Amino acid sequence: MCLCDALAIQVFCFDGIGADEYWSSFVINEPLTKVLPAIMPAAVAWAEQMALEIARFGSPLNEAGASVALKVGVVRIERVRILEVDAIPLPDDPVLLQAVRLGDFVGEDSVGLALGYGIFIRKGSVDGRLIAHELRHVHQYEQAGSIADFLPQYLMDVAKCGYRNSRFEIDAREHEVAGLIGLS
């Protein structure tokens, strides 16, 4: 049973509406800040799964990347991995996917995404500013303690303030470093 089914069944019992009608009204008519707590366990599970994929297939930072990581506050530099992908992955779960689109958390134009110590970078987008930005998010994950501790804070902040005005994005932009960093 996917998360959508679980949520729909719970509401079906109380509201007498079907799953399709429930999810449509839930996502479209509810503020994202109200939806996020219900889907957070699935969002965290997806992020943790993606972080494992990056850890398995990604590359460690080269010397220049490690230097930038140190400058932006990353402590466990040896754990950081970068995986170049054709497109930043999106969740398969329809509920998460709708929330991602509604909150504009990740889209077709996204070029980077940090998940714990893992960073997805869209092929052809690697540059020093982006790497520094994503490494600052790695630092934010470290400060929080885990994906499960950081992701809810981050998503709620973006949902309330918007991506550009999120305190986490402002902080990451303030730590961007210009310059091309190659991967080893």
N, C-alpha and C. Protein backbone atom coordinates (compact mmCIF):
# COMPACT_ATOMS: atom_id res chain seq x y z
N MET A 1 0.86 -1.18 0.00
CA MET A 1 0.00 0.00 0.00
C MET A 1 0.90 1.23 0.00
N CYS A 2 0.65 2.14 -0.91
CA CYS A 2 1.44 3.37 -0.95
C CYS A 2 0.88 4.36 0.06
N LEU A 3 1.64 5.39 0.32
CA LEU A 3 1.23 6.40 1.28
C LEU A 3 -0.12 7.01 0.89
N CYS A 4 -0.34 7.21 -0.40
CA CYS A 4 -1.60 7.79 -0.87
C CYS A 4 -2.77 6.93 -0.43
N ASP A 5 -2.64 5.60 -0.58
CA ASP A 5 -3.70 4.68 -0.19
C ASP A 5 -3.96 4.77 1.31
N ALA A 6 -2.89 4.80 2.11
CA ALA A 6 -3.04 4.85 3.56
C ALA A 6 -3.76 6.13 3.98
N LEU A 7 -3.37 7.26 3.41
CA LEU A 7 -4.03 8.52 3.75
C LEU A 7 -5.47 8.52 3.29
N ALA A 8 -5.69 8.01 2.09
CA ALA A 8 -7.04 8.02 1.53
C ALA A 8 -7.97 7.11 2.32
N ILE A 9 -7.48 5.95 2.73
CA ILE A 9 -8.31 5.02 3.50
C ILE A 9 -8.71 5.66 4.82
N GLN A 10 -7.77 6.31 5.48
CA GLN A 10 -8.05 6.94 6.76
C GLN A 10 -9.14 8.01 6.59
N VAL A 11 -9.05 8.82 5.59
CA VAL A 11 -10.04 9.87 5.38
C VAL A 11 -11.34 9.30 4.84
N PHE A 12 -11.26 8.26 4.00
CA PHE A 12 -12.45 7.63 3.45
C PHE A 12 -13.39 7.21 4.57
N CYS A 13 -12.82 6.66 5.63
CA CYS A 13 -13.63 6.19 6.75
C CYS A 13 -14.37 7.34 7.42
N PHE A 14 -13.78 8.53 7.41
CA PHE A 14 -14.39 9.66 8.09
C PHE A 14 -15.21 10.55 7.17
N ASP A 15 -14.78 10.70 5.94
CA ASP A 15 -15.43 11.64 5.05
C ASP A 15 -16.34 11.00 4.00
N GLY A 16 -16.21 9.70 3.82
CA GLY A 16 -17.05 9.01 2.85
C GLY A 16 -16.73 9.35 1.40
N ILE A 17 -15.47 9.73 1.12
CA ILE A 17 -15.09 10.01 -0.26
C ILE A 17 -14.04 9.01 -0.71
N GLY A 18 -13.91 8.82 -2.00
CA GLY A 18 -12.94 7.88 -2.54
C GLY A 18 -11.53 8.43 -2.53
N ALA A 19 -10.57 7.53 -2.76
CA ALA A 19 -9.15 7.89 -2.70
C ALA A 19 -8.79 8.99 -3.70
N ASP A 20 -9.28 8.88 -4.94
CA ASP A 20 -8.92 9.89 -5.94
C ASP A 20 -9.44 11.27 -5.57
N GLU A 21 -10.70 11.32 -5.13
CA GLU A 21 -11.27 12.59 -4.74
C GLU A 21 -10.54 13.15 -3.52
N TYR A 22 -10.18 12.25 -2.59
CA TYR A 22 -9.49 12.69 -1.38
C TYR A 22 -8.16 13.33 -1.73
N TRP A 23 -7.33 12.60 -2.50
CA TRP A 23 -5.99 13.12 -2.75
C TRP A 23 -6.03 14.41 -3.55
N SER A 24 -6.95 14.51 -4.50
CA SER A 24 -7.05 15.75 -5.27
C SER A 24 -7.36 16.92 -4.35
N SER A 25 -8.33 16.76 -3.48
CA SER A 25 -8.70 17.86 -2.61
C SER A 25 -7.62 18.10 -1.56
N PHE A 26 -6.96 17.04 -1.13
CA PHE A 26 -5.94 17.17 -0.09
C PHE A 26 -4.77 18.00 -0.59
N VAL A 27 -4.26 17.67 -1.77
CA VAL A 27 -3.09 18.38 -2.27
C VAL A 27 -3.46 19.76 -2.78
N ILE A 28 -4.50 19.86 -3.56
CA ILE A 28 -4.82 21.12 -4.20
C ILE A 28 -5.43 22.13 -3.23
N ASN A 29 -6.24 21.65 -2.31
CA ASN A 29 -6.98 22.57 -1.45
C ASN A 29 -6.36 22.78 -0.07
N GLU A 30 -5.34 22.04 0.27
CA GLU A 30 -4.71 22.18 1.57
C GLU A 30 -3.37 22.89 1.42
N PRO A 31 -3.02 23.76 2.35
CA PRO A 31 -1.68 24.37 2.31
C PRO A 31 -0.62 23.28 2.47
N LEU A 32 0.48 23.46 1.81
CA LEU A 32 1.56 22.47 1.87
C LEU A 32 2.03 22.26 3.31
N THR A 33 2.01 23.31 4.11
CA THR A 33 2.44 23.18 5.49
C THR A 33 1.56 22.21 6.28
N LYS A 34 0.32 22.04 5.85
CA LYS A 34 -0.58 21.08 6.50
C LYS A 34 -0.34 19.67 5.98
N VAL A 35 0.06 19.53 4.73
CA VAL A 35 0.29 18.23 4.11
C VAL A 35 1.61 17.61 4.57
N LEU A 36 2.63 18.44 4.75
CA LEU A 36 3.98 17.93 5.03
C LEU A 36 4.08 16.98 6.21
N PRO A 37 3.49 17.27 7.36
CA PRO A 37 3.65 16.32 8.48
C PRO A 37 3.14 14.91 8.14
N ALA A 38 2.09 14.81 7.35
CA ALA A 38 1.54 13.50 7.01
C ALA A 38 2.45 12.71 6.06
N ILE A 39 3.17 13.41 5.22
CA ILE A 39 4.01 12.72 4.24
C ILE A 39 5.48 12.67 4.63
N MET A 40 5.84 13.31 5.74
CA MET A 40 7.25 13.39 6.11
C MET A 40 7.94 12.04 6.27
N PRO A 41 7.32 11.05 6.91
CA PRO A 41 8.02 9.75 7.01
C PRO A 41 8.38 9.18 5.64
N ALA A 42 7.50 9.30 4.68
CA ALA A 42 7.80 8.80 3.33
C ALA A 42 8.87 9.65 2.66
N ALA A 43 8.85 10.97 2.88
CA ALA A 43 9.87 11.85 2.30
C ALA A 43 11.24 11.52 2.87
N VAL A 44 11.31 11.30 4.16
CA VAL A 44 12.58 10.95 4.81
C VAL A 44 13.07 9.60 4.29
N ALA A 45 12.19 8.64 4.19
CA ALA A 45 12.58 7.31 3.68
C ALA A 45 13.12 7.42 2.25
N TRP A 46 12.46 8.21 1.41
CA TRP A 46 12.94 8.40 0.04
C TRP A 46 14.32 9.06 0.05
N ALA A 47 14.48 10.11 0.84
CA ALA A 47 15.76 10.82 0.90
C ALA A 47 16.88 9.90 1.40
N GLU A 48 16.58 9.10 2.40
CA GLU A 48 17.59 8.16 2.91
C GLU A 48 17.96 7.11 1.87
N GLN A 49 16.98 6.64 1.12
CA GLN A 49 17.24 5.68 0.04
C GLN A 49 18.12 6.31 -1.04
N MET A 50 17.82 7.55 -1.42
CA MET A 50 18.63 8.23 -2.43
C MET A 50 20.05 8.49 -1.91
N ALA A 51 20.18 8.83 -0.63
CA ALA A 51 21.51 9.05 -0.05
C ALA A 51 22.35 7.78 -0.11
N LEU A 52 21.71 6.64 0.12
CA LEU A 52 22.42 5.36 0.01
C LEU A 52 22.87 5.10 -1.43
N GLU A 53 22.03 5.45 -2.39
CA GLU A 53 22.39 5.29 -3.80
C GLU A 53 23.60 6.16 -4.15
N ILE A 54 23.60 7.39 -3.66
CA ILE A 54 24.73 8.28 -3.91
C ILE A 54 25.98 7.72 -3.25
N ALA A 55 25.86 7.24 -2.02
CA ALA A 55 27.02 6.68 -1.31
C ALA A 55 27.60 5.49 -2.07
N ARG A 56 26.74 4.72 -2.68
CA ARG A 56 27.18 3.52 -3.41
C ARG A 56 27.82 3.85 -4.76
N PHE A 57 27.23 4.78 -5.49
CA PHE A 57 27.68 5.03 -6.86
C PHE A 57 28.41 6.36 -7.05
N GLY A 58 28.36 7.22 -6.05
CA GLY A 58 28.97 8.53 -6.19
C GLY A 58 30.48 8.53 -6.00
N SER A 59 31.08 9.66 -6.32
CA SER A 59 32.52 9.84 -6.20
C SER A 59 32.85 10.68 -4.97
N PRO A 60 33.97 10.36 -4.30
CA PRO A 60 34.39 11.22 -3.19
C PRO A 60 34.87 12.57 -3.72
N LEU A 61 34.94 13.52 -2.84
CA LEU A 61 35.45 14.83 -3.22
C LEU A 61 36.93 14.74 -3.57
N ASN A 62 37.32 15.49 -4.58
CA ASN A 62 38.74 15.60 -4.86
C ASN A 62 39.34 16.62 -3.89
N GLU A 63 40.62 16.94 -4.04
CA GLU A 63 41.28 17.84 -3.10
C GLU A 63 40.63 19.23 -3.08
N ALA A 64 40.30 19.76 -4.25
CA ALA A 64 39.66 21.08 -4.32
C ALA A 64 38.28 21.04 -3.66
N GLY A 65 37.52 19.98 -3.92
CA GLY A 65 36.20 19.85 -3.32
C GLY A 65 36.28 19.71 -1.81
N ALA A 66 37.27 18.96 -1.33
CA ALA A 66 37.46 18.81 0.12
C ALA A 66 37.81 20.15 0.76
N SER A 67 38.59 20.95 0.06
CA SER A 67 38.96 22.27 0.56
C SER A 67 37.72 23.16 0.69
N VAL A 68 36.84 23.12 -0.31
CA VAL A 68 35.61 23.90 -0.26
C VAL A 68 34.71 23.39 0.86
N ALA A 69 34.61 22.07 1.00
CA ALA A 69 33.79 21.48 2.07
C ALA A 69 34.24 21.98 3.43
N LEU A 70 35.53 22.02 3.63
CA LEU A 70 36.09 22.51 4.89
C LEU A 70 35.72 23.98 5.10
N LYS A 71 35.81 24.78 4.04
CA LYS A 71 35.51 26.21 4.14
C LYS A 71 34.04 26.49 4.47
N VAL A 72 33.14 25.61 3.99
CA VAL A 72 31.71 25.85 4.25
C VAL A 72 31.22 25.12 5.50
N GLY A 73 32.14 24.45 6.21
CA GLY A 73 31.78 23.90 7.52
C GLY A 73 31.53 22.41 7.61
N VAL A 74 31.73 21.66 6.52
CA VAL A 74 31.51 20.21 6.59
C VAL A 74 32.58 19.60 7.48
N VAL A 75 32.17 18.72 8.38
CA VAL A 75 33.10 18.09 9.32
C VAL A 75 33.58 16.74 8.79
N ARG A 76 32.68 15.89 8.38
CA ARG A 76 33.02 14.53 7.93
C ARG A 76 33.18 14.52 6.41
N ILE A 77 34.18 15.21 5.94
CA ILE A 77 34.42 15.40 4.51
C ILE A 77 34.57 14.07 3.78
N GLU A 78 35.18 13.10 4.44
CA GLU A 78 35.41 11.79 3.81
C GLU A 78 34.13 11.04 3.49
N ARG A 79 33.02 11.42 4.08
CA ARG A 79 31.74 10.75 3.83
C ARG A 79 30.99 11.33 2.63
N VAL A 80 31.36 12.51 2.19
CA VAL A 80 30.65 13.19 1.10
C VAL A 80 30.89 12.46 -0.21
N ARG A 81 29.81 12.27 -0.96
CA ARG A 81 29.86 11.68 -2.29
C ARG A 81 29.02 12.52 -3.23
N ILE A 82 29.49 12.62 -4.48
CA ILE A 82 28.75 13.35 -5.51
C ILE A 82 28.44 12.38 -6.63
N LEU A 83 27.19 12.39 -7.07
CA LEU A 83 26.76 11.54 -8.18
C LEU A 83 26.17 12.42 -9.27
N GLU A 84 26.82 12.40 -10.42
CA GLU A 84 26.28 13.15 -11.56
C GLU A 84 25.19 12.31 -12.23
N VAL A 85 24.07 12.96 -12.51
CA VAL A 85 22.91 12.29 -13.10
C VAL A 85 22.36 13.12 -14.25
N ASP A 86 21.62 12.47 -15.13
CA ASP A 86 21.00 13.18 -16.26
C ASP A 86 19.95 14.18 -15.77
N ALA A 87 19.23 13.80 -14.73
CA ALA A 87 18.23 14.67 -14.11
C ALA A 87 18.16 14.34 -12.63
N ILE A 88 17.88 15.33 -11.82
CA ILE A 88 17.74 15.09 -10.39
C ILE A 88 16.52 14.18 -10.19
N PRO A 89 16.69 13.05 -9.49
CA PRO A 89 15.58 12.11 -9.33
C PRO A 89 14.40 12.69 -8.56
N LEU A 90 13.23 12.22 -8.92
CA LEU A 90 12.01 12.58 -8.22
C LEU A 90 11.43 11.32 -7.59
N PRO A 91 10.65 11.45 -6.53
CA PRO A 91 10.05 10.27 -5.89
C PRO A 91 9.06 9.57 -6.82
N ASP A 92 8.98 8.25 -6.69
CA ASP A 92 8.00 7.47 -7.45
C ASP A 92 6.62 7.53 -6.81
N ASP A 93 6.57 7.65 -5.50
CA ASP A 93 5.30 7.68 -4.78
C ASP A 93 4.49 8.88 -5.27
N PRO A 94 3.25 8.65 -5.72
CA PRO A 94 2.45 9.75 -6.28
C PRO A 94 2.16 10.87 -5.29
N VAL A 95 2.04 10.55 -4.03
CA VAL A 95 1.78 11.58 -3.02
C VAL A 95 3.00 12.48 -2.86
N LEU A 96 4.17 11.85 -2.73
CA LEU A 96 5.39 12.65 -2.60
C LEU A 96 5.64 13.46 -3.86
N LEU A 97 5.42 12.86 -5.00
CA LEU A 97 5.64 13.56 -6.26
C LEU A 97 4.76 14.81 -6.36
N GLN A 98 3.49 14.69 -5.99
CA GLN A 98 2.61 15.85 -6.02
C GLN A 98 3.06 16.92 -5.04
N ALA A 99 3.50 16.51 -3.87
CA ALA A 99 3.98 17.48 -2.88
C ALA A 99 5.25 18.18 -3.37
N VAL A 100 6.14 17.41 -3.99
CA VAL A 100 7.38 17.99 -4.53
C VAL A 100 7.03 19.04 -5.57
N ARG A 101 6.09 18.72 -6.43
CA ARG A 101 5.70 19.67 -7.48
C ARG A 101 4.97 20.87 -6.90
N LEU A 102 4.09 20.62 -5.94
CA LEU A 102 3.34 21.71 -5.32
C LEU A 102 4.28 22.68 -4.60
N GLY A 103 5.28 22.13 -3.90
CA GLY A 103 6.20 22.97 -3.16
C GLY A 103 7.38 23.46 -3.97
N ASP A 104 7.47 22.99 -5.22
CA ASP A 104 8.58 23.37 -6.09
C ASP A 104 9.93 23.08 -5.42
N PHE A 105 10.00 21.92 -4.72
CA PHE A 105 11.22 21.54 -4.03
C PHE A 105 12.30 21.09 -5.01
N VAL A 106 11.92 20.30 -5.99
CA VAL A 106 12.84 19.81 -7.02
C VAL A 106 12.05 19.83 -8.32
N GLY A 107 12.66 20.34 -9.37
CA GLY A 107 11.97 20.41 -10.65
C GLY A 107 12.88 20.04 -11.80
N GLU A 108 12.35 20.19 -12.99
CA GLU A 108 13.12 19.85 -14.20
C GLU A 108 14.36 20.71 -14.35
N ASP A 109 14.34 21.92 -13.80
CA ASP A 109 15.49 22.80 -13.94
C ASP A 109 16.47 22.69 -12.77
N SER A 110 16.20 21.80 -11.82
CA SER A 110 17.10 21.63 -10.68
C SER A 110 18.45 21.08 -11.13
N VAL A 111 19.51 21.61 -10.56
CA VAL A 111 20.85 21.18 -10.95
C VAL A 111 21.59 20.50 -9.80
N GLY A 112 21.09 20.59 -8.58
CA GLY A 112 21.74 19.95 -7.45
C GLY A 112 20.76 19.63 -6.35
N LEU A 113 21.08 18.59 -5.57
CA LEU A 113 20.26 18.20 -4.43
C LEU A 113 21.14 17.46 -3.44
N ALA A 114 21.24 18.00 -2.23
CA ALA A 114 22.00 17.34 -1.17
C ALA A 114 21.04 16.56 -0.29
N LEU A 115 21.42 15.33 0.00
CA LEU A 115 20.65 14.45 0.88
C LEU A 115 21.64 13.81 1.85
N GLY A 116 21.74 14.36 3.03
CA GLY A 116 22.75 13.88 3.98
C GLY A 116 24.14 14.17 3.42
N TYR A 117 24.97 13.14 3.33
CA TYR A 117 26.31 13.29 2.78
C TYR A 117 26.35 13.07 1.27
N GLY A 118 25.20 12.82 0.67
CA GLY A 118 25.14 12.59 -0.76
C GLY A 118 24.65 13.80 -1.51
N ILE A 119 25.25 14.03 -2.68
CA ILE A 119 24.85 15.16 -3.51
C ILE A 119 24.61 14.67 -4.93
N PHE A 120 23.42 14.91 -5.45
CA PHE A 120 23.13 14.72 -6.87
C PHE A 120 23.48 16.02 -7.58
N ILE A 121 24.19 15.91 -8.69
CA ILE A 121 24.48 17.05 -9.55
C ILE A 121 24.08 16.67 -10.97
N ARG A 122 23.30 17.54 -11.61
CA ARG A 122 22.92 17.26 -13.00
C ARG A 122 24.15 17.40 -13.89
N LYS A 123 24.33 16.43 -14.77
CA LYS A 123 25.47 16.44 -15.69
C LYS A 123 25.52 17.76 -16.45
N GLY A 124 26.74 18.28 -16.58
CA GLY A 124 26.93 19.54 -17.28
C GLY A 124 26.73 20.76 -16.40
N SER A 125 26.40 20.55 -15.12
CA SER A 125 26.12 21.68 -14.22
C SER A 125 27.17 21.87 -13.14
N VAL A 126 28.19 21.04 -13.14
CA VAL A 126 29.19 21.10 -12.08
C VAL A 126 29.97 22.41 -12.16
N ASP A 127 29.90 23.19 -11.10
CA ASP A 127 30.76 24.37 -10.97
C ASP A 127 30.97 24.63 -9.48
N GLY A 128 31.94 25.45 -9.20
CA GLY A 128 32.33 25.70 -7.82
C GLY A 128 31.22 26.25 -6.95
N ARG A 129 30.44 27.18 -7.49
CA ARG A 129 29.35 27.78 -6.70
C ARG A 129 28.31 26.73 -6.32
N LEU A 130 27.94 25.89 -7.28
CA LEU A 130 26.94 24.86 -7.01
C LEU A 130 27.46 23.85 -5.98
N ILE A 131 28.70 23.42 -6.17
CA ILE A 131 29.27 22.46 -5.23
C ILE A 131 29.31 23.05 -3.83
N ALA A 132 29.76 24.30 -3.71
CA ALA A 132 29.82 24.97 -2.40
C ALA A 132 28.42 25.08 -1.79
N HIS A 133 27.43 25.42 -2.61
CA HIS A 133 26.05 25.55 -2.15
C HIS A 133 25.56 24.22 -1.58
N GLU A 134 25.75 23.16 -2.34
CA GLU A 134 25.28 21.84 -1.90
C GLU A 134 26.08 21.34 -0.70
N LEU A 135 27.36 21.64 -0.66
CA LEU A 135 28.17 21.26 0.50
C LEU A 135 27.71 21.99 1.76
N ARG A 136 27.24 23.21 1.61
CA ARG A 136 26.70 23.92 2.78
C ARG A 136 25.44 23.20 3.29
N HIS A 137 24.64 22.65 2.36
CA HIS A 137 23.49 21.84 2.80
C HIS A 137 23.96 20.60 3.54
N VAL A 138 25.06 20.00 3.09
CA VAL A 138 25.63 18.85 3.82
C VAL A 138 25.96 19.29 5.25
N HIS A 139 26.57 20.45 5.38
CA HIS A 139 26.86 21.00 6.72
C HIS A 139 25.57 21.15 7.53
N GLN A 140 24.51 21.62 6.91
CA GLN A 140 23.23 21.79 7.61
C GLN A 140 22.70 20.44 8.09
N TYR A 141 22.82 19.41 7.25
CA TYR A 141 22.43 18.06 7.67
C TYR A 141 23.27 17.62 8.87
N GLU A 142 24.58 17.87 8.81
CA GLU A 142 25.45 17.50 9.93
C GLU A 142 25.01 18.20 11.21
N GLN A 143 24.72 19.48 11.12
CA GLN A 143 24.32 20.24 12.30
C GLN A 143 23.03 19.68 12.91
N ALA A 144 22.11 19.26 12.06
CA ALA A 144 20.84 18.70 12.54
C ALA A 144 21.03 17.30 13.11
N GLY A 145 21.98 16.55 12.55
CA GLY A 145 22.26 15.21 13.06
C GLY A 145 21.94 14.08 12.10
N SER A 146 20.97 14.29 11.21
CA SER A 146 20.59 13.23 10.28
C SER A 146 19.61 13.78 9.24
N ILE A 147 19.35 12.96 8.23
CA ILE A 147 18.33 13.32 7.25
C ILE A 147 16.98 13.46 7.95
N ALA A 148 16.67 12.52 8.82
CA ALA A 148 15.37 12.54 9.52
C ALA A 148 15.20 13.77 10.39
N ASP A 149 16.30 14.34 10.87
CA ASP A 149 16.21 15.54 11.71
C ASP A 149 16.21 16.83 10.88
N PHE A 150 16.94 16.83 9.75
CA PHE A 150 17.04 18.06 8.96
C PHE A 150 15.91 18.24 7.96
N LEU A 151 15.57 17.19 7.23
CA LEU A 151 14.62 17.32 6.12
C LEU A 151 13.29 17.95 6.53
N PRO A 152 12.69 17.55 7.65
CA PRO A 152 11.43 18.20 8.04
C PRO A 152 11.58 19.71 8.26
N GLN A 153 12.67 20.13 8.87
CA GLN A 153 12.91 21.56 9.08
C GLN A 153 13.04 22.29 7.74
N TYR A 154 13.84 21.69 6.85
CA TYR A 154 14.08 22.31 5.55
C TYR A 154 12.79 22.42 4.74
N LEU A 155 12.06 21.32 4.62
CA LEU A 155 10.85 21.33 3.79
C LEU A 155 9.80 22.29 4.34
N MET A 156 9.64 22.31 5.65
CA MET A 156 8.66 23.22 6.25
C MET A 156 9.07 24.67 6.04
N ASP A 157 10.35 24.96 6.15
CA ASP A 157 10.83 26.32 5.94
C ASP A 157 10.58 26.77 4.51
N VAL A 158 10.87 25.89 3.55
CA VAL A 158 10.62 26.22 2.14
C VAL A 158 9.13 26.38 1.89
N ALA A 159 8.31 25.51 2.50
CA ALA A 159 6.86 25.60 2.32
C ALA A 159 6.32 26.92 2.88
N LYS A 160 6.86 27.38 3.98
CA LYS A 160 6.38 28.62 4.61
C LYS A 160 6.92 29.87 3.94
N CYS A 161 8.21 29.85 3.57
CA CYS A 161 8.89 31.07 3.13
C CYS A 161 9.16 31.12 1.63
N GLY A 162 9.06 29.98 0.96
CA GLY A 162 9.46 29.90 -0.44
C GLY A 162 10.93 29.53 -0.53
N TYR A 163 11.32 28.94 -1.65
CA TYR A 163 12.68 28.46 -1.83
C TYR A 163 13.71 29.57 -1.63
N ARG A 164 13.54 30.68 -2.33
CA ARG A 164 14.54 31.76 -2.28
C ARG A 164 14.66 32.38 -0.89
N ASN A 165 13.57 32.41 -0.15
CA ASN A 165 13.56 33.06 1.15
C ASN A 165 13.76 32.11 2.32
N SER A 166 13.94 30.84 2.04
CA SER A 166 14.20 29.87 3.11
C SER A 166 15.52 30.21 3.78
N ARG A 167 15.55 30.14 5.08
CA ARG A 167 16.79 30.45 5.82
C ARG A 167 17.92 29.50 5.43
N PHE A 168 17.57 28.26 5.07
CA PHE A 168 18.60 27.29 4.68
C PHE A 168 19.18 27.62 3.30
N GLU A 169 18.34 28.10 2.41
CA GLU A 169 18.82 28.49 1.08
C GLU A 169 19.60 29.80 1.13
N ILE A 170 19.16 30.72 1.95
CA ILE A 170 19.91 31.97 2.12
C ILE A 170 21.31 31.65 2.65
N ASP A 171 21.37 30.79 3.65
CA ASP A 171 22.65 30.39 4.23
C ASP A 171 23.54 29.71 3.18
N ALA A 172 22.96 28.81 2.39
CA ALA A 172 23.76 28.11 1.36
C ALA A 172 24.26 29.10 0.30
N ARG A 173 23.42 30.04 -0.10
CA ARG A 173 23.87 31.04 -1.09
C ARG A 173 25.00 31.90 -0.53
N GLU A 174 24.93 32.21 0.76
CA GLU A 174 25.98 33.02 1.37
C GLU A 174 27.32 32.29 1.43
N HIS A 175 27.30 30.97 1.28
CA HIS A 175 28.54 30.18 1.35
C HIS A 175 29.01 29.67 -0.01
N GLU A 176 28.40 30.15 -1.06
CA GLU A 176 28.83 29.72 -2.38
C GLU A 176 30.24 30.26 -2.67
N VAL A 177 31.01 29.46 -3.35
CA VAL A 177 32.38 29.82 -3.70
C VAL A 177 32.51 29.68 -5.21
N ALA A 178 32.97 30.72 -5.85
CA ALA A 178 33.14 30.68 -7.31
C ALA A 178 34.35 29.82 -7.66
N GLY A 179 34.32 29.22 -8.84
CA GLY A 179 35.46 28.44 -9.31
C GLY A 179 35.04 27.03 -9.68
N LEU A 180 35.59 26.53 -10.71
CA LEU A 180 35.27 25.19 -11.19
C LEU A 180 35.97 24.13 -10.36
N ILE A 181 35.19 23.13 -9.94
CA ILE A 181 35.75 22.00 -9.18
C ILE A 181 35.50 20.75 -10.00
N GLY A 182 36.55 20.05 -10.37
CA GLY A 182 36.39 18.79 -11.09
C GLY A 182 36.18 17.65 -10.12
N LEU A 183 35.64 16.57 -10.61
CA LEU A 183 35.43 15.37 -9.78
C LEU A 183 36.51 14.36 -10.05
N SER A 184 36.89 13.62 -9.02
CA SER A 184 37.88 12.57 -9.23
C SER A 184 37.26 11.21 -9.06
